[in-house]
């Protein structure tokens, strides 16, 4: 898995828990999924799904 670029990590919103990130992803108007950042150790959201499952609708 490729590393998150530091410049990208610094620009993205951070979520302390996966549950918090999932709630934010489900509330968005586009398909997003959370992932754990290998730079900061917290969670970010991405719109890249490339072979990943979409989150189930609430």
C-alpha atoms as a PDB file:
ATOM      1  CA  UNK A   1       0.000   0.000   0.000  1.00  0.00           C
ATOM      2  CA  UNK A   2       1.481   3.382  -0.941  1.00  0.00           C
ATOM      3  CA  UNK A   3       2.327   5.868   1.774  1.00  0.00           C
ATOM      4  CA  UNK A   4       0.234   8.992   2.188  1.00  0.00           C
ATOM      5  CA  UNK A   5       2.243  12.019   1.133  1.00  0.00           C
ATOM      6  CA  UNK A   6       2.913  14.319   4.075  1.00  0.00           C
ATOM      7  CA  UNK A   7       1.570  17.347   2.174  1.00  0.00           C
ATOM      8  CA  UNK A   8      -1.724  15.497   1.590  1.00  0.00           C
ATOM      9  CA  UNK A   9      -1.976  14.376   5.224  1.00  0.00           C
ATOM     10  CA  UNK A  10      -1.478  17.929   6.474  1.00  0.00           C
ATOM     11  CA  UNK A  11      -4.300  19.273   4.271  1.00  0.00           C
ATOM     12  CA  UNK A  12      -6.892  16.637   5.111  1.00  0.00           C
ATOM     13  CA  UNK A  13      -9.305  16.690   8.006  1.00  0.00           C
ATOM     14  CA  UNK A  14      -8.331  14.224  10.725  1.00  0.00           C
ATOM     15  CA  UNK A  15     -10.635  11.971  12.692  1.00  0.00           C
ATOM     16  CA  UNK A  16      -9.532  10.398  15.967  1.00  0.00           C
ATOM     17  CA  UNK A  17     -11.638   7.257  15.581  1.00  0.00           C
ATOM     18  CA  UNK A  18     -12.800   5.139  12.680  1.00  0.00           C
ATOM     19  CA  UNK A  19     -16.409   5.496  13.876  1.00  0.00           C
ATOM     20  CA  UNK A  20     -16.155   9.281  13.665  1.00  0.00           C
ATOM     21  CA  UNK A  21     -14.705   9.027  10.137  1.00  0.00           C
ATOM     22  CA  UNK A  22     -17.433   6.602   9.037  1.00  0.00           C
ATOM     23  CA  UNK A  23     -20.151   8.955  10.293  1.00  0.00           C
ATOM     24  CA  UNK A  24     -18.581  11.828   8.331  1.00  0.00           C
ATOM     25  CA  UNK A  25     -18.296   9.656   5.195  1.00  0.00           C
ATOM     26  CA  UNK A  26     -21.945   8.613   5.401  1.00  0.00           C
ATOM     27  CA  UNK A  27     -23.038  12.239   5.847  1.00  0.00           C
ATOM     28  CA  UNK A  28     -21.155  13.370   2.707  1.00  0.00           C
ATOM     29  CA  UNK A  29     -22.887  13.936  -0.605  1.00  0.00           C
ATOM     30  CA  UNK A  30     -20.342  11.791  -2.494  1.00  0.00           C
ATOM     31  CA  UNK A  31     -19.039   8.252  -1.908  1.00  0.00           C
ATOM     32  CA  UNK A  32     -16.217   8.386   0.616  1.00  0.00           C
ATOM     33  CA  UNK A  33     -14.465   5.797   2.722  1.00  0.00           C
ATOM     34  CA  UNK A  34     -12.220   6.207   5.757  1.00  0.00           C
ATOM     35  CA  UNK A  35      -8.647   4.986   5.958  1.00  0.00           C
ATOM     36  CA  UNK A  36      -5.988   5.012   8.643  1.00  0.00           C
ATOM     37  CA  UNK A  37      -3.151   7.335   7.710  1.00  0.00           C
ATOM     38  CA  UNK A  38       0.349   5.891   7.903  1.00  0.00           C
ATOM     39  CA  UNK A  39       1.747   9.377   8.580  1.00  0.00           C
ATOM     40  CA  UNK A  40      -0.344  10.674  11.486  1.00  0.00           C
ATOM     41  CA  UNK A  41      -2.049   7.464  12.657  1.00  0.00           C
ATOM     42  CA  UNK A  42      -5.485   9.072  12.541  1.00  0.00           C
ATOM     43  CA  UNK A  43      -8.262   8.628   9.975  1.00  0.00           C
ATOM     44  CA  UNK A  44      -8.874  10.578   6.777  1.00  0.00           C
ATOM     45  CA  UNK A  45     -11.525  10.231   4.078  1.00  0.00           C
ATOM     46  CA  UNK A  46     -10.893   9.383   0.450  1.00  0.00           C
ATOM     47  CA  UNK A  47     -13.074   9.231  -2.620  1.00  0.00           C
ATOM     48  CA  UNK A  48     -10.790   6.647  -4.228  1.00  0.00           C
ATOM     49  CA  UNK A  49     -12.562   3.312  -4.049  1.00  0.00           C
ATOM     50  CA  UNK A  50     -10.408   1.309  -6.517  1.00  0.00           C
ATOM     51  CA  UNK A  51     -11.413  -2.228  -5.585  1.00  0.00           C
ATOM     52  CA  UNK A  52     -12.595  -1.281  -2.100  1.00  0.00           C
ATOM     53  CA  UNK A  53     -16.101  -1.784  -0.838  1.00  0.00           C
ATOM     54  CA  UNK A  54     -18.392   1.179  -0.512  1.00  0.00           C
ATOM     55  CA  UNK A  55     -19.780   1.939   2.919  1.00  0.00           C
ATOM     56  CA  UNK A  56     -23.282   0.543   3.470  1.00  0.00           C
ATOM     57  CA  UNK A  57     -25.996   3.175   3.507  1.00  0.00           C
ATOM     58  CA  UNK A  58     -27.131   4.070   7.003  1.00  0.00           C
END
